[in-house]
Amino acid sequence: MLSPAHLTGCFRALLLLGAGVGVVLLLGPFQGLERSVGLSDAAAHGIAFYLLTVGLFLSAPKWRRTDLALVAAGLAIVSEVAQALAGRGADPVDLLFDLTGVCAAIAPGLAERLRHHARAHPNLSFRAIRLVNRRLR
């Protein structure tokens, strides 16, 4: 029988495989490879970190989305430093698009949370909502 735990395990395996491929592509001698599939460097970075962030969301369901997004953002910084150490050069524009991919992944969840607050507590301030929320006490 298929269960959420089975799917989570599959997503973890895919995340590890994708992370391995990502490390090879980021640190290997593959500069310009994204152009051969019709992507700009910026788009490739944004898509890669969007997929990484979504993969983290699916692989670690007990973690908060914002914490996982911070992990992805940290990995973006580490990847740029690793590229500099590998002789490929760190590019702040690449980091910007890495972080854009992370933000694109977390935005739908934040929008849904805002929609929930608008339905459940339409007239409360965010401070009051925080006090009402039992999880945040």
Protein backbone atom coordinates (compact mmCIF):
# COMPACT_ATOMS: atom_id res chain seq x y z
CA MET A 1 0.00 0.00 0.00
CA LEU A 2 1.28 3.42 -0.95
CA SER A 3 1.49 5.85 1.95
CA PRO A 4 2.79 9.38 2.54
CA ALA A 5 5.86 7.84 4.18
CA HIS A 6 6.62 5.91 0.98
CA LEU A 7 6.32 9.06 -1.11
CA THR A 8 8.50 11.00 1.31
CA GLY A 9 11.17 8.32 0.96
CA CYS A 10 10.95 8.54 -2.83
CA PHE A 11 11.26 12.32 -2.69
CA ARG A 12 14.31 12.01 -0.43
CA ALA A 13 15.97 9.66 -2.92
CA LEU A 14 15.16 12.04 -5.80
CA LEU A 15 16.48 14.98 -3.77
CA LEU A 16 19.78 13.19 -3.13
CA LEU A 17 20.10 12.23 -6.79
CA GLY A 18 19.27 15.79 -7.89
CA ALA A 19 21.70 17.25 -5.36
CA GLY A 20 24.47 15.02 -6.69
CA VAL A 21 23.75 16.06 -10.26
CA GLY A 22 23.59 19.70 -9.15
CA VAL A 23 26.97 19.54 -7.43
CA VAL A 24 28.57 18.03 -10.53
CA LEU A 25 26.99 20.67 -12.79
CA LEU A 26 27.87 23.57 -10.48
CA LEU A 27 31.46 22.56 -9.81
CA GLY A 28 32.37 20.64 -12.95
CA PRO A 29 33.71 22.00 -16.23
CA PHE A 30 30.23 22.49 -17.66
CA GLN A 31 30.03 26.26 -18.01
CA GLY A 32 27.56 27.18 -20.73
CA LEU A 33 25.80 23.80 -20.72
CA GLU A 34 22.47 25.49 -19.96
CA ARG A 35 22.63 27.34 -23.29
CA SER A 36 22.60 24.03 -25.15
CA VAL A 37 19.10 23.35 -23.76
CA GLY A 38 17.87 26.89 -24.41
CA LEU A 39 18.26 28.41 -20.92
CA SER A 40 20.16 31.44 -19.78
CA ASP A 41 22.56 31.08 -16.87
CA ALA A 42 20.19 33.08 -14.66
CA ALA A 43 17.19 30.90 -15.56
CA ALA A 44 19.20 27.73 -14.90
CA HIS A 45 20.17 28.96 -11.43
CA GLY A 46 16.62 30.01 -10.58
CA ILE A 47 15.13 26.70 -11.77
CA ALA A 48 17.77 24.65 -9.96
CA PHE A 49 17.15 26.33 -6.62
CA TYR A 50 13.39 26.32 -7.11
CA LEU A 51 13.56 22.53 -7.60
CA LEU A 52 15.94 22.15 -4.66
CA THR A 53 13.60 24.08 -2.38
CA VAL A 54 10.50 22.16 -3.49
CA GLY A 55 12.48 18.94 -3.07
CA LEU A 56 13.33 19.95 0.49
CA PHE A 57 9.65 20.74 1.18
CA LEU A 58 8.59 17.29 -0.06
CA SER A 59 11.44 15.44 1.65
CA ALA A 60 11.11 16.96 5.12
CA PRO A 61 7.39 17.37 5.85
CA LYS A 62 7.94 17.88 9.59
CA TRP A 63 10.15 20.93 9.08
CA ARG A 64 8.73 24.42 8.65
CA ARG A 65 8.81 25.78 5.10
CA THR A 66 10.64 28.94 6.15
CA ASP A 67 13.38 26.90 7.84
CA LEU A 68 13.79 24.78 4.71
CA ALA A 69 13.89 27.91 2.56
CA LEU A 70 16.67 29.26 4.78
CA VAL A 71 18.57 25.98 4.30
CA ALA A 72 18.17 26.36 0.52
CA ALA A 73 19.35 29.98 0.70
CA GLY A 74 22.37 28.87 2.73
CA LEU A 75 23.13 26.22 0.10
CA ALA A 76 22.95 28.94 -2.57
CA ILE A 77 25.60 30.93 -0.74
CA VAL A 78 27.74 27.84 -0.19
CA SER A 79 27.45 26.91 -3.88
CA GLU A 80 28.74 30.30 -4.97
CA VAL A 81 31.66 30.09 -2.52
CA ALA A 82 32.40 26.53 -3.73
CA GLN A 83 32.37 27.72 -7.34
CA ALA A 84 34.88 30.43 -6.44
CA LEU A 85 37.12 27.86 -4.74
CA ALA A 86 36.82 25.53 -7.74
CA GLY A 87 38.09 28.26 -10.03
CA ARG A 88 34.78 29.01 -11.75
CA GLY A 89 34.27 32.36 -10.06
CA ALA A 90 31.49 33.46 -7.73
CA ASP A 91 28.88 35.69 -9.34
CA PRO A 92 26.53 37.79 -7.20
CA VAL A 93 23.99 37.76 -10.04
CA ASP A 94 23.91 33.95 -9.89
CA LEU A 95 23.29 34.18 -6.15
CA LEU A 96 20.46 36.63 -6.77
CA PHE A 97 18.78 34.19 -9.16
CA ASP A 98 19.42 31.27 -6.77
CA LEU A 99 17.55 33.21 -4.09
CA THR A 100 14.83 34.14 -6.58
CA GLY A 101 14.25 30.42 -7.15
CA VAL A 102 13.98 29.86 -3.39
CA CYS A 103 11.49 32.75 -3.07
CA ALA A 104 9.43 31.42 -5.99
CA ALA A 105 9.15 28.07 -4.21
CA ILE A 106 8.04 29.50 -0.88
CA ALA A 107 5.69 32.20 -2.25
CA PRO A 108 2.63 29.94 -2.85
CA GLY A 109 2.77 28.65 0.73
CA LEU A 110 2.99 32.16 2.13
CA ALA A 111 0.10 33.28 -0.06
CA GLU A 112 -2.01 30.36 1.15
CA ARG A 113 -1.15 31.20 4.76
CA LEU A 114 -2.27 34.81 4.17
CA ARG A 115 -5.52 33.52 2.62
CA HIS A 116 -6.08 31.35 5.69
CA HIS A 117 -5.57 34.31 8.04
CA ALA A 118 -7.90 36.46 5.92
CA ARG A 119 -10.63 33.81 6.26
CA ALA A 120 -10.08 32.84 9.89
CA HIS A 121 -9.18 36.21 11.42
CA PRO A 122 -10.08 38.96 8.92
CA ASN A 123 -10.07 41.82 11.43
CA LEU A 124 -7.15 40.89 13.68
CA SER A 125 -3.69 42.37 13.35
CA PHE A 126 -0.86 39.96 12.58
CA ARG A 127 0.39 40.45 16.13
CA ALA A 128 -3.00 39.38 17.50
CA ILE A 129 -3.11 36.40 15.12
CA ARG A 130 0.27 35.34 16.42
CA LEU A 131 -1.03 35.48 20.00
CA VAL A 132 -4.11 33.44 19.04
CA ASN A 133 -2.08 30.78 17.23
CA ARG A 134 -1.45 27.96 19.70
CA ARG A 135 1.58 26.66 17.75
CA LEU A 136 3.46 29.92 18.25
CA ARG A 137 2.95 30.19 22.01
